[in-house]
C-alpha cells in the first residue's frame, strides 16, 4: 500500500500512523535514512538496518563467522596464537 507523507518546517516528515504502528515505531526511536541507487530514499528502523548489515556479513563471511572467529584469525596473523 502507498501512503502520503508531507515535509513540514525544519525538514520534518510525518510518517503515517498505520506504518508507525505496523513497524512498532515509537516517539524517540532512531531511524536510518539511506539513498537508493535509483535516487529514492529508504527509511528503516535501526533494528532493520542492523539486521540488513548482519545478513550482508553472513553472505560475505558465512553464517557461522563471528567476532571471536575474526579475532582468532587476526591474532594468528599477528603471531599471537
PDB file of N, CA and C in Angstrom:
ATOM      1  N   UNK A   1       0.844  -1.173   0.000  1.00  0.00           N
ATOM      2  CA  UNK A   1       0.000   0.000   0.000  1.00  0.00           C
ATOM      3  C   UNK A   1       0.895   1.243   0.000  1.00  0.00           C
ATOM      4  N   UNK A   2       0.466   2.256  -0.668  1.00  0.00           N
ATOM      5  CA  UNK A   2       1.208   3.505  -0.757  1.00  0.00           C
ATOM      6  C   UNK A   2       0.572   4.551   0.142  1.00  0.00           C
ATOM      7  N   UNK A   3       1.413   5.300   0.837  1.00  0.00           N
ATOM      8  CA  UNK A   3       0.950   6.356   1.726  1.00  0.00           C
ATOM      9  C   UNK A   3       1.554   7.680   1.292  1.00  0.00           C
ATOM     10  N   UNK A   4       1.013   8.746   1.796  1.00  0.00           N
ATOM     11  CA  UNK A   4       1.500  10.083   1.503  1.00  0.00           C
ATOM     12  C   UNK A   4       2.069  10.677   2.785  1.00  0.00           C
ATOM     13  N   UNK A   5       3.221  11.289   2.691  1.00  0.00           N
ATOM     14  CA  UNK A   5       3.827  11.986   3.827  1.00  0.00           C
ATOM     15  C   UNK A   5       4.248  13.365   3.356  1.00  0.00           C
ATOM     16  N   UNK A   6       4.106  14.344   4.217  1.00  0.00           N
ATOM     17  CA  UNK A   6       4.424  15.717   3.860  1.00  0.00           C
ATOM     18  C   UNK A   6       5.636  16.189   4.659  1.00  0.00           C
ATOM     19  N   UNK A   7       6.510  16.929   3.993  1.00  0.00           N
ATOM     20  CA  UNK A   7       7.650  17.540   4.665  1.00  0.00           C
ATOM     21  C   UNK A   7       7.171  18.870   5.238  1.00  0.00           C
ATOM     22  N   UNK A   8       7.412  19.067   6.538  1.00  0.00           N
ATOM     23  CA  UNK A   8       6.996  20.308   7.195  1.00  0.00           C
ATOM     24  C   UNK A   8       8.228  21.094   7.621  1.00  0.00           C
ATOM     25  N   UNK A   9       8.035  22.210   8.274  1.00  0.00           N
ATOM     26  CA  UNK A   9       9.129  23.107   8.674  1.00  0.00           C
ATOM     27  C   UNK A   9      10.259  22.325   9.337  1.00  0.00           C
ATOM     28  N   UNK A  10      11.463  22.701   8.982  1.00  0.00           N
ATOM     29  CA  UNK A  10      12.640  22.063   9.572  1.00  0.00           C
ATOM     30  C   UNK A  10      12.985  20.727   8.932  1.00  0.00           C
ATOM     31  N   UNK A  11      12.335  20.386   7.816  1.00  0.00           N
ATOM     32  CA  UNK A  11      12.631  19.128   7.140  1.00  0.00           C
ATOM     33  C   UNK A  11      12.013  17.919   7.806  1.00  0.00           C
ATOM     34  N   UNK A  12      11.051  18.128   8.683  1.00  0.00           N
ATOM     35  CA  UNK A  12      10.411  17.023   9.400  1.00  0.00           C
ATOM     36  C   UNK A  12       9.401  16.335   8.498  1.00  0.00           C
ATOM     37  N   UNK A  13       9.395  15.003   8.581  1.00  0.00           N
ATOM     38  CA  UNK A  13       8.457  14.205   7.811  1.00  0.00           C
ATOM     39  C   UNK A  13       7.584  13.436   8.794  1.00  0.00           C
ATOM     40  N   UNK A  14       6.290  13.521   8.602  1.00  0.00           N
ATOM     41  CA  UNK A  14       5.359  12.791   9.458  1.00  0.00           C
ATOM     42  C   UNK A  14       5.077  11.443   8.802  1.00  0.00           C
ATOM     43  N   UNK A  15       5.428  10.371   9.498  1.00  0.00           N
ATOM     44  CA  UNK A  15       5.181   9.020   8.999  1.00  0.00           C
ATOM     45  C   UNK A  15       3.749   8.655   9.368  1.00  0.00           C
ATOM     46  N   UNK A  16       2.968   8.169   8.407  1.00  0.00           N
ATOM     47  CA  UNK A  16       1.583   7.821   8.707  1.00  0.00           C
ATOM     48  C   UNK A  16       1.471   6.849   9.890  1.00  0.00           C
ATOM     49  N   UNK A  17       0.450   7.060  10.714  1.00  0.00           N
ATOM     50  CA  UNK A  17       0.261   6.277  11.938  1.00  0.00           C
ATOM     51  C   UNK A  17       0.188   4.778  11.665  1.00  0.00           C
ATOM     52  N   UNK A  18      -0.448   4.387  10.581  1.00  0.00           N
ATOM     53  CA  UNK A  18      -0.569   2.960  10.252  1.00  0.00           C
ATOM     54  C   UNK A  18       0.807   2.325  10.096  1.00  0.00           C
ATOM     55  N   UNK A  19       1.701   3.008   9.413  1.00  0.00           N
ATOM     56  CA  UNK A  19       3.055   2.479   9.212  1.00  0.00           C
ATOM     57  C   UNK A  19       3.800   2.445  10.538  1.00  0.00           C
ATOM     58  N   UNK A  20       3.690   3.509  11.326  1.00  0.00           N
ATOM     59  CA  UNK A  20       4.364   3.530  12.632  1.00  0.00           C
ATOM     60  C   UNK A  20       3.896   2.365  13.492  1.00  0.00           C
ATOM     61  N   UNK A  21       2.590   2.131  13.520  1.00  0.00           N
ATOM     62  CA  UNK A  21       2.058   1.008  14.319  1.00  0.00           C
ATOM     63  C   UNK A  21       2.551  -0.326  13.780  1.00  0.00           C
ATOM     64  N   UNK A  22       2.469  -0.527  12.474  1.00  0.00           N
ATOM     65  CA  UNK A  22       2.878  -1.797  11.864  1.00  0.00           C
ATOM     66  C   UNK A  22       4.350  -2.110  12.128  1.00  0.00           C
ATOM     67  N   UNK A  23       5.183  -1.078  12.113  1.00  0.00           N
ATOM     68  CA  UNK A  23       6.628  -1.279  12.308  1.00  0.00           C
ATOM     69  C   UNK A  23       7.069  -1.116  13.753  1.00  0.00           C
ATOM     70  N   UNK A  24       6.143  -0.724  14.623  1.00  0.00           N
ATOM     71  CA  UNK A  24       6.487  -0.552  16.036  1.00  0.00           C
ATOM     72  C   UNK A  24       7.333   0.677  16.290  1.00  0.00           C
ATOM     73  N   UNK A  25       7.220   1.682  15.439  1.00  0.00           N
ATOM     74  CA  UNK A  25       7.995   2.915  15.613  1.00  0.00           C
ATOM     75  C   UNK A  25       7.309   3.768  16.671  1.00  0.00           C
ATOM     76  N   UNK A  26       8.092   4.165  17.669  1.00  0.00           N
ATOM     77  CA  UNK A  26       7.562   4.974  18.763  1.00  0.00           C
ATOM     78  C   UNK A  26       8.294   6.312  18.836  1.00  0.00           C
ATOM     79  N   UNK A  27       7.702   7.291  19.521  1.00  0.00           N
ATOM     80  CA  UNK A  27       8.344   8.593  19.698  1.00  0.00           C
ATOM     81  C   UNK A  27       9.749   8.398  20.266  1.00  0.00           C
ATOM     82  N   UNK A  28      10.718   9.066  19.675  1.00  0.00           N
ATOM     83  CA  UNK A  28      12.093   8.995  20.156  1.00  0.00           C
ATOM     84  C   UNK A  28      12.922   7.899  19.528  1.00  0.00           C
ATOM     85  N   UNK A  29      12.314   6.979  18.766  1.00  0.00           N
ATOM     86  CA  UNK A  29      13.075   5.909  18.116  1.00  0.00           C
ATOM     87  C   UNK A  29      14.033   6.496  17.083  1.00  0.00           C
ATOM     88  N   UNK A  30      15.149   5.815  16.881  1.00  0.00           N
ATOM     89  CA  UNK A  30      16.110   6.212  15.854  1.00  0.00           C
ATOM     90  C   UNK A  30      15.767   5.518  14.548  1.00  0.00           C
ATOM     91  N   UNK A  31      15.795   6.274  13.468  1.00  0.00           N
ATOM     92  CA  UNK A  31      15.578   5.727  12.137  1.00  0.00           C
ATOM     93  C   UNK A  31      16.803   5.993  11.281  1.00  0.00           C
ATOM     94  N   UNK A  32      17.015   5.147  10.303  1.00  0.00           N
ATOM     95  CA  UNK A  32      18.138   5.286   9.385  1.00  0.00           C
ATOM     96  C   UNK A  32      17.583   5.721   8.036  1.00  0.00           C
ATOM     97  N   UNK A  33      18.140   6.791   7.485  1.00  0.00           N
ATOM     98  CA  UNK A  33      17.734   7.303   6.177  1.00  0.00           C
ATOM     99  C   UNK A  33      18.865   7.005   5.199  1.00  0.00           C
ATOM    100  N   UNK A  34      18.507   6.380   4.088  1.00  0.00           N
ATOM    101  CA  UNK A  34      19.510   5.939   3.124  1.00  0.00           C
ATOM    102  C   UNK A  34      19.058   6.336   1.719  1.00  0.00           C
ATOM    103  N   UNK A  35      19.995   6.704   0.879  1.00  0.00           N
ATOM    104  CA  UNK A  35      19.690   6.962  -0.527  1.00  0.00           C
ATOM    105  C   UNK A  35      19.737   5.642  -1.280  1.00  0.00           C
ATOM    106  N   UNK A  36      18.799   5.459  -2.192  1.00  0.00           N
ATOM    107  CA  UNK A  36      18.811   4.262  -3.023  1.00  0.00           C
ATOM    108  C   UNK A  36      19.555   4.555  -4.311  1.00  0.00           C
ATOM    109  N   UNK A  37      19.942   3.505  -5.018  1.00  0.00           N
ATOM    110  CA  UNK A  37      20.696   3.669  -6.266  1.00  0.00           C
ATOM    111  C   UNK A  37      19.891   4.407  -7.332  1.00  0.00           C
ATOM    112  N   UNK A  38      18.569   4.320  -7.253  1.00  0.00           N
ATOM    113  CA  UNK A  38      17.743   4.969  -8.274  1.00  0.00           C
ATOM    114  C   UNK A  38      17.316   6.382  -7.880  1.00  0.00           C
ATOM    115  N   UNK A  39      17.940   6.961  -6.852  1.00  0.00           N
ATOM    116  CA  UNK A  39      17.665   8.329  -6.463  1.00  0.00           C
ATOM    117  C   UNK A  39      16.559   8.492  -5.449  1.00  0.00           C
ATOM    118  N   UNK A  40      16.046   7.386  -4.936  1.00  0.00           N
ATOM    119  CA  UNK A  40      14.998   7.444  -3.926  1.00  0.00           C
ATOM    120  C   UNK A  40      15.581   7.517  -2.518  1.00  0.00           C
ATOM    121  N   UNK A  41      14.697   7.431  -1.557  1.00  0.00           N
ATOM    122  CA  UNK A  41      15.080   7.461  -0.154  1.00  0.00           C
ATOM    123  C   UNK A  41      14.467   6.249   0.528  1.00  0.00           C
ATOM    124  N   UNK A  42      15.254   5.573   1.355  1.00  0.00           N
ATOM    125  CA  UNK A  42      14.769   4.430   2.120  1.00  0.00           C
ATOM    126  C   UNK A  42      14.843   4.802   3.590  1.00  0.00           C
ATOM    127  N   UNK A  43      13.790   4.523   4.301  1.00  0.00           N
ATOM    128  CA  UNK A  43      13.700   4.813   5.725  1.00  0.00           C
ATOM    129  C   UNK A  43      13.547   3.490   6.452  1.00  0.00           C
ATOM    130  N   UNK A  44      14.452   3.197   7.385  1.00  0.00           N
ATOM    131  CA  UNK A  44      14.427   1.936   8.118  1.00  0.00           C
ATOM    132  C   UNK A  44      14.548   2.207   9.605  1.00  0.00           C
ATOM    133  N   UNK A  45      14.031   1.281  10.373  1.00  0.00           N
ATOM    134  CA  UNK A  45      14.290   1.350  11.803  1.00  0.00           C
ATOM    135  C   UNK A  45      15.753   0.964  12.019  1.00  0.00           C
ATOM    136  N   UNK A  46      16.289   1.342  13.163  1.00  0.00           N
ATOM    137  CA  UNK A  46      17.667   0.989  13.475  1.00  0.00           C
ATOM    138  C   UNK A  46      17.821  -0.531  13.485  1.00  0.00           C
ATOM    139  N   UNK A  47      16.824  -1.234  14.035  1.00  0.00           N
ATOM    140  CA  UNK A  47      16.874  -2.698  14.102  1.00  0.00           C
ATOM    141  C   UNK A  47      16.903  -3.318  12.710  1.00  0.00           C
ATOM    142  N   UNK A  48      16.124  -2.761  11.775  1.00  0.00           N
ATOM    143  CA  UNK A  48      16.146  -3.256  10.401  1.00  0.00           C
ATOM    144  C   UNK A  48      17.521  -3.055   9.782  1.00  0.00           C
ATOM    145  N   UNK A  49      18.120  -1.919  10.037  1.00  0.00           N
ATOM    146  CA  UNK A  49      19.436  -1.619   9.497  1.00  0.00           C
ATOM    147  C   UNK A  49      20.476  -2.615  10.019  1.00  0.00           C
ATOM    148  N   UNK A  50      20.403  -2.928  11.304  1.00  0.00           N
ATOM    149  CA  UNK A  50      21.332  -3.905  11.899  1.00  0.00           C
ATOM    150  C   UNK A  50      21.108  -5.285  11.282  1.00  0.00           C
ATOM    151  N   UNK A  51      19.839  -5.695  11.134  1.00  0.00           N
ATOM    152  CA  UNK A  51      19.544  -6.995  10.517  1.00  0.00           C
ATOM    153  C   UNK A  51      20.091  -7.063   9.092  1.00  0.00           C
ATOM    154  N   UNK A  52      19.928  -5.981   8.337  1.00  0.00           N
ATOM    155  CA  UNK A  52      20.451  -5.951   6.962  1.00  0.00           C
ATOM    156  C   UNK A  52      21.969  -6.069   6.946  1.00  0.00           C
ATOM    157  N   UNK A  53      22.642  -5.364   7.849  1.00  0.00           N
ATOM    158  CA  UNK A  53      24.106  -5.423   7.911  1.00  0.00           C
ATOM    159  C   UNK A  53      24.572  -6.831   8.276  1.00  0.00           C
ATOM    160  N   UNK A  54      23.885  -7.462   9.234  1.00  0.00           N
ATOM    161  CA  UNK A  54      24.249  -8.835   9.621  1.00  0.00           C
ATOM    162  C   UNK A  54      24.037  -9.807   8.468  1.00  0.00           C
ATOM    163  N   UNK A  55      22.947  -9.640   7.719  1.00  0.00           N
ATOM    164  CA  UNK A  55      22.679 -10.514   6.581  1.00  0.00           C
ATOM    165  C   UNK A  55      23.763 -10.364   5.509  1.00  0.00           C
ATOM    166  N   UNK A  56      24.187  -9.119   5.264  1.00  0.00           N
ATOM    167  CA  UNK A  56      25.256  -8.890   4.290  1.00  0.00           C
ATOM    168  C   UNK A  56      26.566  -9.530   4.756  1.00  0.00           C
ATOM    169  N   UNK A  57      26.858  -9.415   6.041  1.00  0.00           N
ATOM    170  CA  UNK A  57      28.082 -10.016   6.581  1.00  0.00           C
ATOM    171  C   UNK A  57      28.025 -11.536   6.473  1.00  0.00           C
ATOM    172  N   UNK A  58      26.859 -12.138   6.775  1.00  0.00           N
ATOM    173  CA  UNK A  58      26.716 -13.596   6.646  1.00  0.00           C
ATOM    174  C   UNK A  58      26.919 -14.031   5.201  1.00  0.00           C
ATOM    175  N   UNK A  59      26.413 -13.247   4.247  1.00  0.00           N
ATOM    176  CA  UNK A  59      26.571 -13.584   2.835  1.00  0.00           C
ATOM    177  C   UNK A  59      28.036 -13.544   2.416  1.00  0.00           C
ATOM    178  N   UNK A  60      28.795 -12.627   2.996  1.00  0.00           N
ATOM    179  CA  UNK A  60      30.211 -12.487   2.645  1.00  0.00           C
ATOM    180  C   UNK A  60      31.078 -13.507   3.377  1.00  0.00           C
ATOM    181  N   UNK A  61      30.870 -13.643   4.698  1.00  0.00           N
ATOM    182  CA  UNK A  61      31.768 -14.441   5.531  1.00  0.00           C
ATOM    183  C   UNK A  61      31.237 -15.816   5.893  1.00  0.00           C
ATOM    184  N   UNK A  62      29.977 -16.066   5.648  1.00  0.00           N
ATOM    185  CA  UNK A  62      29.381 -17.342   6.042  1.00  0.00           C
ATOM    186  C   UNK A  62      28.586 -17.178   7.322  1.00  0.00           C
ATOM    187  N   UNK A  63      27.624 -18.056   7.522  1.00  0.00           N
ATOM    188  CA  UNK A  63      26.689 -17.930   8.626  1.00  0.00           C
ATOM    189  C   UNK A  63      27.272 -18.069  10.007  1.00  0.00           C
ATOM    190  N   UNK A  64      28.370 -18.809  10.148  1.00  0.00           N
ATOM    191  CA  UNK A  64      28.902 -19.036  11.489  1.00  0.00           C
ATOM    192  C   UNK A  64      30.181 -18.235  11.768  1.00  0.00           C
ATOM    193  N   UNK A  65      30.420 -17.209  10.988  1.00  0.00           N
ATOM    194  CA  UNK A  65      31.580 -16.337  11.190  1.00  0.00           C
ATOM    195  C   UNK A  65      31.230 -15.313  12.263  1.00  0.00           C
ATOM    196  N   UNK A  66      31.974 -15.316  13.350  1.00  0.00           N
ATOM    197  CA  UNK A  66      31.673 -14.436  14.480  1.00  0.00           C
ATOM    198  C   UNK A  66      32.829 -13.482  14.741  1.00  0.00           C
ATOM    199  N   UNK A  67      32.607 -12.572  15.653  1.00  0.00           N
ATOM    200  CA  UNK A  67      33.673 -11.662  16.083  1.00  0.00           C
ATOM    201  C   UNK A  67      34.825 -12.474  16.670  1.00  0.00           C
ATOM    202  N   UNK A  68      34.497 -13.501  17.451  1.00  0.00           N
ATOM    203  CA  UNK A  68      35.545 -14.354  18.029  1.00  0.00           C
ATOM    204  C   UNK A  68      36.378 -15.028  16.940  1.00  0.00           C
ATOM    205  N   UNK A  69      35.720 -15.486  15.870  1.00  0.00           N
ATOM    206  CA  UNK A  69      36.441 -16.087  14.751  1.00  0.00           C
ATOM    207  C   UNK A  69      37.365 -15.060  14.105  1.00  0.00           C
ATOM    208  N   UNK A  70      36.844 -13.859  13.891  1.00  0.00           N
ATOM    209  CA  UNK A  70      37.638 -12.788  13.306  1.00  0.00           C
ATOM    210  C   UNK A  70      38.867 -12.490  14.160  1.00  0.00           C
ATOM    211  N   UNK A  71      38.665 -12.335  15.469  1.00  0.00           N
ATOM    212  CA  UNK A  71      39.782 -12.015  16.359  1.00  0.00           C
ATOM    213  C   UNK A  71      40.806 -13.140  16.398  1.00  0.00           C
ATOM    214  N   UNK A  72      40.344 -14.379  16.376  1.00  0.00           N
ATOM    215  CA  UNK A  72      41.264 -15.519  16.357  1.00  0.00           C
ATOM    216  C   UNK A  72      42.131 -15.488  15.097  1.00  0.00           C
ATOM    217  N   UNK A  73      41.497 -15.188  13.952  1.00  0.00           N
ATOM    218  CA  UNK A  73      42.252 -15.087  12.702  1.00  0.00           C
ATOM    219  C   UNK A  73      43.274 -13.959  12.758  1.00  0.00           C
ATOM    220  N   UNK A  74      42.864 -12.798  13.276  1.00  0.00           N
ATOM    221  CA  UNK A  74      43.797 -11.666  13.349  1.00  0.00           C
ATOM    222  C   UNK A  74      44.954 -11.978  14.289  1.00  0.00           C
ATOM    223  N   UNK A  75      44.660 -12.597  15.428  1.00  0.00           N
ATOM    224  CA  UNK A  75      45.745 -12.951  16.358  1.00  0.00           C
ATOM    225  C   UNK A  75      46.717 -13.924  15.712  1.00  0.00           C
ATOM    226  N   UNK A  76      46.188 -14.859  14.925  1.00  0.00           N
ATOM    227  CA  UNK A  76      47.058 -15.804  14.207  1.00  0.00           C
ATOM    228  C   UNK A  76      47.910 -15.041  13.204  1.00  0.00           C
ATOM    229  N   UNK A  77      47.318 -14.069  12.512  1.00  0.00           N
ATOM    230  CA  UNK A  77      48.075 -13.250  11.553  1.00  0.00           C
ATOM    231  C   UNK A  77      49.196 -12.493  12.249  1.00  0.00           C
ATOM    232  N   UNK A  78      48.928 -12.036  13.475  1.00  0.00           N
ATOM    233  CA  UNK A  78      49.893 -11.233  14.216  1.00  0.00           C
ATOM    234  C   UNK A  78      50.864 -12.108  15.025  1.00  0.00           C
ATOM    235  N   UNK A  79      50.701 -13.439  14.914  1.00  0.00           N
ATOM    236  CA  UNK A  79      51.587 -14.355  15.626  1.00  0.00           C
ATOM    237  C   UNK A  79      51.324 -14.418  17.105  1.00  0.00           C
ATOM    238  N   UNK A  80      50.099 -14.132  17.524  1.00  0.00           N
ATOM    239  CA  UNK A  80      49.766 -14.141  18.965  1.00  0.00           C
ATOM    240  C   UNK A  80      49.199 -15.473  19.414  1.00  0.00           C
ATOM    241  N   UNK A  81      48.947 -16.412  18.501  1.00  0.00           N
ATOM    242  CA  UNK A  81      48.443 -17.720  18.891  1.00  0.00           C
ATOM    243  C   UNK A  81      49.282 -18.808  18.280  1.00  0.00           C
TER     244      UNK A  81
END
